[in-house]
Structures are given as C-alpha cells and as structure tokens.
Amino acid sequence: MSERLDKIGADRDRAKEKRDLWDARYKELCQKYIQQENTEIHEMVRAQNLTPDQLAAVLKALQGGMFPSPAAMPGAGEPDTLSGRDNNTSEIKEDEQDEV
C-alpha cells in the first residue's frame, strides 16, 4: 500500500486505542458517580435514623403526592431565609432598624 494509506491506518489505530481508553475511563467515572451518590443518600437516611420500613413509607408518600416535590417547593434553589431575613441577620440588628 501507499505511504499515505499506511499513515492514515496508523492514525486510525491510535485513535481507536484512545477511544477504548476513554470508554473505559467513562465507565469508571460513571461507577464512581453512582457509588458517591448512593453513599450520600445512605448518609442522609442514617442521619435521620430511619429504618428501612420508615424510608419505604416516606418514599411511598412522596410518590403518592403527600409531600410536594423538592423542585416545586417555594424557594427551591434560593438561599435559605428565615421569615424573609438572612439567617445571618441577628435580632439586635433588626431591633436597631426599628429604632431608626
């Protein structure tokens, strides 16, 4: 074959090897992501001291519409506030504003 075809063929083979490496890396990252996600969910459940039966009841209630979905809750994605105030705002500052 020609020198040009040999070069293109070699480039193609190297590209395939790189693709295979990236595919393996992608699968590895997907597994790590799922594992971390599961760990965080597990930690949240443990923090609430829920039994498996209690967790099942909460999830069933959530699916049944007993609780609003987190995305539908007012203030979703906004900074936490307490009665319209920043959580860092002290009562003293509020009292000082009333006096002015």
Protein backbone atom coordinates (compact mmCIF):
# COMPACT_ATOMS: atom_id res chain seq x y z
CA MET A 1 0.00 0.00 0.00
CA SER A 2 0.95 3.60 -0.27
CA GLU A 3 2.77 5.51 2.41
CA ARG A 4 -0.24 7.79 2.83
CA LEU A 5 -2.62 4.88 3.46
CA ASP A 6 -0.19 3.41 5.99
CA LYS A 7 -0.06 6.71 7.86
CA ILE A 8 -3.87 7.08 7.87
CA GLY A 9 -4.24 3.47 9.01
CA ALA A 10 -1.77 4.01 11.86
CA ASP A 11 -3.60 7.19 12.93
CA ARG A 12 -6.88 5.30 12.84
CA ASP A 13 -5.46 2.53 15.02
CA ARG A 14 -4.11 5.04 17.56
CA ALA A 15 -7.47 6.82 17.62
CA LYS A 16 -9.26 3.52 18.28
CA GLU A 17 -6.89 2.77 21.18
CA LYS A 18 -7.52 6.21 22.65
CA ARG A 19 -11.28 5.75 22.22
CA ASP A 20 -11.11 2.44 24.04
CA LEU A 21 -9.16 4.07 26.88
CA TRP A 22 -11.68 6.93 27.11
CA ASP A 23 -14.61 4.49 27.04
CA ALA A 24 -13.07 2.60 29.96
CA ARG A 25 -12.44 5.88 31.83
CA TYR A 26 -16.03 6.99 31.18
CA LYS A 27 -17.41 3.73 32.57
CA GLU A 28 -15.16 4.05 35.62
CA LEU A 29 -16.33 7.62 36.27
CA CYS A 30 -19.98 6.57 35.90
CA GLN A 31 -19.45 3.86 38.52
CA LYS A 32 -17.72 6.32 40.88
CA TYR A 33 -20.54 8.83 40.42
CA ILE A 34 -23.21 6.26 41.23
CA GLN A 35 -21.23 4.99 44.20
CA GLN A 36 -20.83 8.52 45.63
CA GLU A 37 -24.48 9.31 45.02
CA ASN A 38 -25.51 6.13 46.86
CA THR A 39 -23.15 6.94 49.73
CA GLU A 40 -24.65 10.41 50.14
CA ILE A 41 -28.20 9.04 50.09
CA HIS A 42 -27.23 6.42 52.66
CA GLU A 43 -25.69 9.10 54.91
CA MET A 44 -28.86 11.23 54.68
CA VAL A 45 -31.03 8.28 55.67
CA ARG A 46 -28.69 7.35 58.54
CA ALA A 47 -28.68 10.96 59.77
CA GLN A 48 -32.47 10.78 60.12
CA ASN A 49 -32.29 7.41 61.92
CA LEU A 50 -34.82 5.91 59.52
CA THR A 51 -35.46 2.20 59.42
CA PRO A 52 -35.89 0.59 56.01
CA ASP A 53 -39.65 0.42 56.64
CA GLN A 54 -39.80 4.11 57.55
CA LEU A 55 -37.79 5.05 54.47
CA ALA A 56 -40.13 2.98 52.30
CA ALA A 57 -43.13 4.76 53.84
CA VAL A 58 -41.58 8.19 53.20
CA LEU A 59 -40.79 7.33 49.59
CA LYS A 60 -44.26 5.90 49.04
CA ALA A 61 -45.83 9.04 50.50
CA LEU A 62 -43.63 11.20 48.27
CA GLN A 63 -44.66 9.23 45.19
CA GLY A 64 -48.30 9.40 46.25
CA GLY A 65 -48.17 13.19 46.35
CA MET A 66 -48.44 13.57 50.13
CA PHE A 67 -45.36 15.82 50.06
CA PRO A 68 -44.54 18.39 47.38
CA SER A 69 -41.61 17.51 45.20
CA PRO A 70 -38.45 19.40 46.21
CA ALA A 71 -38.38 21.29 42.90
CA ALA A 72 -41.95 22.54 43.42
CA MET A 73 -41.27 23.92 46.89
CA PRO A 74 -41.14 27.70 47.23
CA GLY A 75 -37.59 28.98 47.42
CA ALA A 76 -36.06 25.93 45.78
CA GLY A 77 -32.58 26.87 44.66
CA GLU A 78 -32.65 30.16 46.57
CA PRO A 79 -30.54 30.98 49.62
CA ASP A 80 -32.02 29.85 52.90
CA THR A 81 -34.01 32.55 54.63
CA LEU A 82 -35.92 32.69 57.87
CA SER A 83 -39.07 34.82 57.75
CA GLY A 84 -37.69 36.83 54.87
CA ARG A 85 -34.41 37.57 56.65
CA ASP A 86 -30.96 36.21 56.07
CA ASN A 87 -30.06 33.54 58.57
CA ASN A 88 -27.01 35.61 59.47
CA THR A 89 -29.11 38.63 60.46
CA SER A 90 -29.21 38.95 64.21
CA GLU A 91 -32.19 40.08 66.25
CA ILE A 92 -30.12 43.03 67.53
CA LYS A 93 -29.70 44.43 64.02
CA GLU A 94 -33.43 44.09 63.43
CA ASP A 95 -34.19 45.93 66.69
CA GLU A 96 -31.73 48.68 65.74
CA GLN A 97 -33.53 49.19 62.41
CA ASP A 98 -36.87 49.54 64.22
CA GLU A 99 -35.46 52.31 66.40
CA VAL A 100 -34.22 54.41 63.42
